[in-house]
Amino acid sequence: MDPGKAAAQASHASAQSLISFLKKHPENIHTFHELGKSGTRIVLRCKNSNQIEKAYQQAEESNLPCAKFVDEGHVILPHFTGDPVLTGLAIGPCKKEDCRHITKKFRCL
């Protein structure tokens, strides 16, 4: 997937993970409400959706906030035919050291 598409998919997953976290911990909304206080985001590359699934399972097992994102309905051949495709995973909000055991095997985009 091209870098622009990857960035969009990462953004969708990041928003879903943050919203899920805030639903469970609404008392923390003040931390993310102010502009410039939303934390660091890093976009990493994986080889395939199996790596995303494995990282998701590890994040869940580690009790970290996380969200997968599935793209569907978009046609960008050859990889996007309109069918649902797992394209992204966000882990967090959390501290870098809390998720490093999961993310260390991935490369920067």
Protein backbone atom coordinates (compact mmCIF):
# COMPACT_ATOMS: atom_id res chain seq x y z
CA MET A 1 0.00 0.00 0.00
CA ASP A 2 1.32 3.45 -0.78
CA PRO A 3 2.45 5.71 2.10
CA GLY A 4 -0.62 7.97 1.92
CA LYS A 5 -3.01 5.02 2.18
CA ALA A 6 -0.93 3.54 5.00
CA ALA A 7 -1.04 6.84 6.90
CA ALA A 8 -4.82 7.02 6.53
CA GLN A 9 -5.27 3.44 7.76
CA ALA A 10 -2.97 4.09 10.73
CA SER A 11 -4.94 7.24 11.53
CA HIS A 12 -8.24 5.35 11.51
CA ALA A 13 -6.87 2.64 13.81
CA SER A 14 -5.32 5.24 16.14
CA ALA A 15 -8.62 7.11 16.49
CA GLN A 16 -10.48 3.85 17.21
CA SER A 17 -7.96 2.83 19.88
CA LEU A 18 -8.12 6.23 21.60
CA ILE A 19 -11.92 6.30 21.54
CA SER A 20 -12.08 2.79 22.96
CA PHE A 21 -9.61 3.75 25.70
CA LEU A 22 -11.58 6.87 26.62
CA LYS A 23 -14.86 4.93 26.78
CA LYS A 24 -13.26 2.68 29.41
CA HIS A 25 -11.41 5.53 31.16
CA PRO A 26 -13.43 8.75 30.67
CA GLU A 27 -11.62 10.36 33.57
CA ASN A 28 -8.54 10.61 31.30
CA ILE A 29 -10.18 12.75 28.63
CA HIS A 30 -8.53 15.90 30.01
CA THR A 31 -5.14 14.36 29.12
CA PHE A 32 -6.02 14.27 25.41
CA HIS A 33 -8.37 17.25 25.13
CA GLU A 34 -5.83 20.05 24.75
CA LEU A 35 -4.21 20.59 21.36
CA GLY A 36 -0.71 19.22 21.17
CA LYS A 37 -1.25 16.83 24.07
CA SER A 38 -2.25 13.70 22.15
CA GLY A 39 1.04 11.85 22.51
CA THR A 40 3.49 10.44 20.01
CA ARG A 41 2.38 8.31 17.09
CA ILE A 42 4.70 6.04 15.16
CA VAL A 43 3.67 4.27 11.95
CA LEU A 44 5.36 0.94 11.36
CA ARG A 45 5.30 -1.52 8.48
CA CYS A 46 4.49 -5.21 8.63
CA LYS A 47 4.77 -7.99 6.08
CA ASN A 48 1.16 -9.20 6.12
CA SER A 49 -2.12 -9.31 8.03
CA ASN A 50 -0.92 -12.32 10.04
CA GLN A 51 1.64 -10.06 11.71
CA ILE A 52 -1.11 -7.57 12.51
CA GLU A 53 -3.26 -10.32 14.05
CA LYS A 54 -0.35 -11.63 16.14
CA ALA A 55 0.54 -8.15 17.38
CA TYR A 56 -3.13 -7.52 18.21
CA GLN A 57 -3.29 -10.73 20.26
CA GLN A 58 -0.10 -9.77 22.10
CA ALA A 59 -1.48 -6.30 22.86
CA GLU A 60 -4.72 -7.78 24.18
CA GLU A 61 -2.81 -10.34 26.28
CA SER A 62 -0.74 -7.47 27.68
CA ASN A 63 -3.97 -5.60 28.52
CA LEU A 64 -3.00 -2.67 26.31
CA PRO A 65 -5.58 -0.50 24.56
CA CYS A 66 -5.63 -1.47 20.89
CA ALA A 67 -7.77 -1.46 17.78
CA LYS A 68 -7.60 -3.15 14.40
CA PHE A 69 -8.82 -1.36 11.31
CA VAL A 70 -10.44 -3.07 8.32
CA ASP A 71 -10.66 -1.20 5.03
CA GLU A 72 -13.57 -2.09 2.77
CA GLY A 73 -15.40 -0.66 -0.17
CA HIS A 74 -12.35 0.97 -1.75
CA VAL A 75 -10.95 -0.24 -5.04
CA ILE A 76 -7.24 0.38 -5.55
CA LEU A 77 -5.98 -2.55 -7.57
CA PRO A 78 -4.29 -4.92 -7.13
CA HIS A 79 -4.52 -5.00 -3.31
CA PHE A 80 -7.85 -3.33 -2.63
CA THR A 81 -10.76 -4.91 -4.48
CA GLY A 82 -13.54 -3.53 -2.32
CA ASP A 83 -13.57 -6.59 -0.07
CA PRO A 84 -12.72 -6.20 3.64
CA VAL A 85 -8.95 -6.14 4.23
CA LEU A 86 -7.21 -5.85 7.60
CA THR A 87 -4.95 -2.83 7.09
CA GLY A 88 -3.98 -1.40 10.44
CA LEU A 89 -3.47 -1.81 14.15
CA ALA A 90 -3.07 0.85 16.80
CA ILE A 91 -1.71 0.15 20.25
CA GLY A 92 -2.19 2.76 22.90
CA PRO A 93 -2.38 5.15 24.45
CA CYS A 94 0.41 3.61 26.46
CA LYS A 95 4.04 4.14 27.31
CA LYS A 96 6.59 3.09 24.70
CA GLU A 97 8.18 0.59 27.07
CA ASP A 98 4.79 -1.09 27.62
CA CYS A 99 4.41 -2.02 23.94
CA ARG A 100 8.04 -2.31 22.83
CA HIS A 101 7.97 -6.11 23.18
CA ILE A 102 5.28 -6.13 20.47
CA THR A 103 6.50 -3.36 18.14
CA LYS A 104 10.25 -4.03 18.12
CA LYS A 105 10.03 -6.47 15.21
CA PHE A 106 8.43 -3.93 12.85
CA ARG A 107 10.22 -1.39 10.67
CA CYS A 108 9.44 2.29 10.15
CA LEU A 109 7.27 3.06 7.15
